[in-house]
Amino acid sequence: MIEATSMDKRSFSYGQRTIDYSLFFTDRRSLEIAVHPDSTVVVKAPLDSDISLIEKKI
């Protein structure tokens, strides 16, 4: 199991909707974007990731 070192609640606009997501910075090599059945979105990113690059992927 990968331990999260920090977590941030964030959101972005998609059309007229605002989508909230949880962003975790962890000791990993790639970006993970998970959309759960209850419509929650969880993003796990490497520790050294730039937030603007993460937002582009989302």
N, C-alpha and C. Protein backbone atom coordinates (compact mmCIF):
# COMPACT_ATOMS: atom_id res chain seq x y z
N MET A 1 0.84 -1.18 0.00
CA MET A 1 0.00 0.00 0.00
C MET A 1 0.89 1.25 0.00
N ILE A 2 0.53 2.23 -0.83
CA ILE A 2 1.30 3.46 -0.93
C ILE A 2 0.77 4.47 0.07
N GLU A 3 1.65 5.03 0.87
CA GLU A 3 1.28 6.03 1.86
C GLU A 3 1.21 7.42 1.21
N ALA A 4 0.17 8.16 1.48
CA ALA A 4 0.06 9.53 1.00
C ALA A 4 0.87 10.44 1.91
N THR A 5 1.62 11.34 1.31
CA THR A 5 2.39 12.28 2.11
C THR A 5 1.65 13.60 2.30
N SER A 6 0.76 13.93 1.39
CA SER A 6 -0.08 15.11 1.56
C SER A 6 -1.34 14.96 0.72
N MET A 7 -2.40 15.64 1.14
CA MET A 7 -3.67 15.57 0.44
C MET A 7 -4.25 16.97 0.34
N ASP A 8 -4.89 17.24 -0.79
CA ASP A 8 -5.45 18.56 -1.04
C ASP A 8 -6.81 18.38 -1.70
N LYS A 9 -7.83 19.09 -1.24
CA LYS A 9 -9.14 19.10 -1.90
C LYS A 9 -9.10 20.19 -2.95
N ARG A 10 -9.44 19.86 -4.19
CA ARG A 10 -9.39 20.80 -5.30
C ARG A 10 -10.63 20.64 -6.16
N SER A 11 -10.79 21.50 -7.15
CA SER A 11 -11.90 21.38 -8.08
C SER A 11 -11.51 21.98 -9.42
N PHE A 12 -12.28 21.60 -10.46
CA PHE A 12 -12.08 22.18 -11.79
C PHE A 12 -13.43 22.28 -12.47
N SER A 13 -13.51 23.14 -13.47
CA SER A 13 -14.75 23.32 -14.22
C SER A 13 -14.70 22.50 -15.49
N TYR A 14 -15.82 21.85 -15.78
CA TYR A 14 -15.99 21.10 -17.01
C TYR A 14 -17.34 21.50 -17.57
N GLY A 15 -17.32 22.35 -18.58
CA GLY A 15 -18.56 22.92 -19.08
C GLY A 15 -19.16 23.79 -17.99
N GLN A 16 -20.40 23.50 -17.61
CA GLN A 16 -21.05 24.27 -16.55
C GLN A 16 -20.97 23.57 -15.21
N ARG A 17 -20.29 22.43 -15.15
CA ARG A 17 -20.16 21.68 -13.89
C ARG A 17 -18.84 21.97 -13.20
N THR A 18 -18.87 21.96 -11.90
CA THR A 18 -17.66 22.02 -11.10
C THR A 18 -17.45 20.63 -10.51
N ILE A 19 -16.30 20.06 -10.76
CA ILE A 19 -15.99 18.71 -10.28
C ILE A 19 -14.93 18.81 -9.19
N ASP A 20 -15.28 18.32 -8.01
CA ASP A 20 -14.36 18.30 -6.88
C ASP A 20 -13.53 17.01 -6.94
N TYR A 21 -12.28 17.11 -6.50
CA TYR A 21 -11.44 15.91 -6.44
C TYR A 21 -10.45 16.03 -5.29
N SER A 22 -9.98 14.88 -4.85
CA SER A 22 -8.95 14.82 -3.81
C SER A 22 -7.63 14.52 -4.50
N LEU A 23 -6.63 15.32 -4.19
CA LEU A 23 -5.30 15.16 -4.79
C LEU A 23 -4.34 14.69 -3.70
N PHE A 24 -3.73 13.54 -3.94
CA PHE A 24 -2.75 12.98 -3.02
C PHE A 24 -1.39 12.98 -3.70
N PHE A 25 -0.37 13.49 -3.02
CA PHE A 25 1.00 13.37 -3.49
C PHE A 25 1.63 12.20 -2.76
N THR A 26 2.09 11.22 -3.52
CA THR A 26 2.61 9.99 -2.92
C THR A 26 3.94 9.61 -3.56
N ASP A 27 4.59 8.65 -2.95
CA ASP A 27 5.85 8.12 -3.47
C ASP A 27 5.53 7.10 -4.55
N ARG A 28 5.28 7.60 -5.76
CA ARG A 28 4.92 6.75 -6.91
C ARG A 28 5.55 7.34 -8.16
N ARG A 29 5.48 6.61 -9.27
CA ARG A 29 6.13 7.05 -10.51
C ARG A 29 5.18 7.61 -11.55
N SER A 30 3.89 7.31 -11.43
CA SER A 30 2.94 7.76 -12.45
C SER A 30 1.70 8.38 -11.82
N LEU A 31 0.92 9.06 -12.65
CA LEU A 31 -0.29 9.73 -12.21
C LEU A 31 -1.46 8.74 -12.29
N GLU A 32 -2.30 8.74 -11.27
CA GLU A 32 -3.50 7.91 -11.26
C GLU A 32 -4.71 8.82 -11.09
N ILE A 33 -5.70 8.65 -11.96
CA ILE A 33 -6.97 9.36 -11.84
C ILE A 33 -8.05 8.30 -11.74
N ALA A 34 -8.75 8.27 -10.61
CA ALA A 34 -9.79 7.27 -10.38
C ALA A 34 -11.13 7.96 -10.16
N VAL A 35 -12.15 7.48 -10.90
CA VAL A 35 -13.51 7.95 -10.72
C VAL A 35 -14.29 6.79 -10.12
N HIS A 36 -14.80 6.99 -8.92
CA HIS A 36 -15.48 5.93 -8.20
C HIS A 36 -16.97 5.90 -8.53
N PRO A 37 -17.66 4.79 -8.24
CA PRO A 37 -19.09 4.67 -8.56
C PRO A 37 -19.96 5.77 -7.96
N ASP A 38 -19.54 6.33 -6.83
CA ASP A 38 -20.32 7.42 -6.22
C ASP A 38 -19.96 8.79 -6.79
N SER A 39 -19.21 8.80 -7.90
CA SER A 39 -18.79 10.00 -8.64
C SER A 39 -17.67 10.80 -7.96
N THR A 40 -17.07 10.27 -6.90
CA THR A 40 -15.92 10.96 -6.32
C THR A 40 -14.71 10.72 -7.21
N VAL A 41 -13.83 11.70 -7.27
CA VAL A 41 -12.63 11.62 -8.09
C VAL A 41 -11.42 11.72 -7.16
N VAL A 42 -10.49 10.78 -7.33
CA VAL A 42 -9.27 10.75 -6.54
C VAL A 42 -8.08 10.74 -7.49
N VAL A 43 -7.16 11.67 -7.27
CA VAL A 43 -5.96 11.77 -8.10
C VAL A 43 -4.75 11.50 -7.20
N LYS A 44 -3.89 10.58 -7.64
CA LYS A 44 -2.64 10.30 -6.93
C LYS A 44 -1.50 10.66 -7.86
N ALA A 45 -0.60 11.52 -7.37
CA ALA A 45 0.48 12.04 -8.21
C ALA A 45 1.83 11.83 -7.53
N PRO A 46 2.90 11.70 -8.33
CA PRO A 46 4.25 11.61 -7.74
C PRO A 46 4.57 12.87 -6.94
N LEU A 47 5.44 12.70 -5.96
CA LEU A 47 5.79 13.80 -5.05
C LEU A 47 6.28 15.05 -5.77
N ASP A 48 7.03 14.90 -6.85
CA ASP A 48 7.63 16.05 -7.53
C ASP A 48 6.78 16.59 -8.68
N SER A 49 5.50 16.22 -8.73
CA SER A 49 4.63 16.65 -9.83
C SER A 49 4.30 18.13 -9.74
N ASP A 50 4.22 18.75 -10.91
CA ASP A 50 3.81 20.15 -11.03
C ASP A 50 2.30 20.21 -11.14
N ILE A 51 1.66 21.04 -10.33
CA ILE A 51 0.20 21.11 -10.30
C ILE A 51 -0.39 21.47 -11.66
N SER A 52 0.27 22.30 -12.43
CA SER A 52 -0.28 22.68 -13.75
C SER A 52 -0.29 21.48 -14.70
N LEU A 53 0.69 20.60 -14.59
CA LEU A 53 0.69 19.39 -15.43
C LEU A 53 -0.38 18.40 -14.99
N ILE A 54 -0.60 18.33 -13.69
CA ILE A 54 -1.68 17.46 -13.17
C ILE A 54 -3.02 17.96 -13.68
N GLU A 55 -3.25 19.26 -13.60
CA GLU A 55 -4.51 19.82 -14.05
C GLU A 55 -4.73 19.63 -15.54
N LYS A 56 -3.67 19.67 -16.33
CA LYS A 56 -3.80 19.40 -17.78
C LYS A 56 -4.29 17.99 -18.03
N LYS A 57 -3.77 17.03 -17.26
CA LYS A 57 -4.17 15.63 -17.42
C LYS A 57 -5.62 15.41 -17.02
N ILE A 58 -6.03 16.11 -15.98
CA ILE A 58 -7.41 15.95 -15.51
C ILE A 58 -8.36 16.53 -16.54
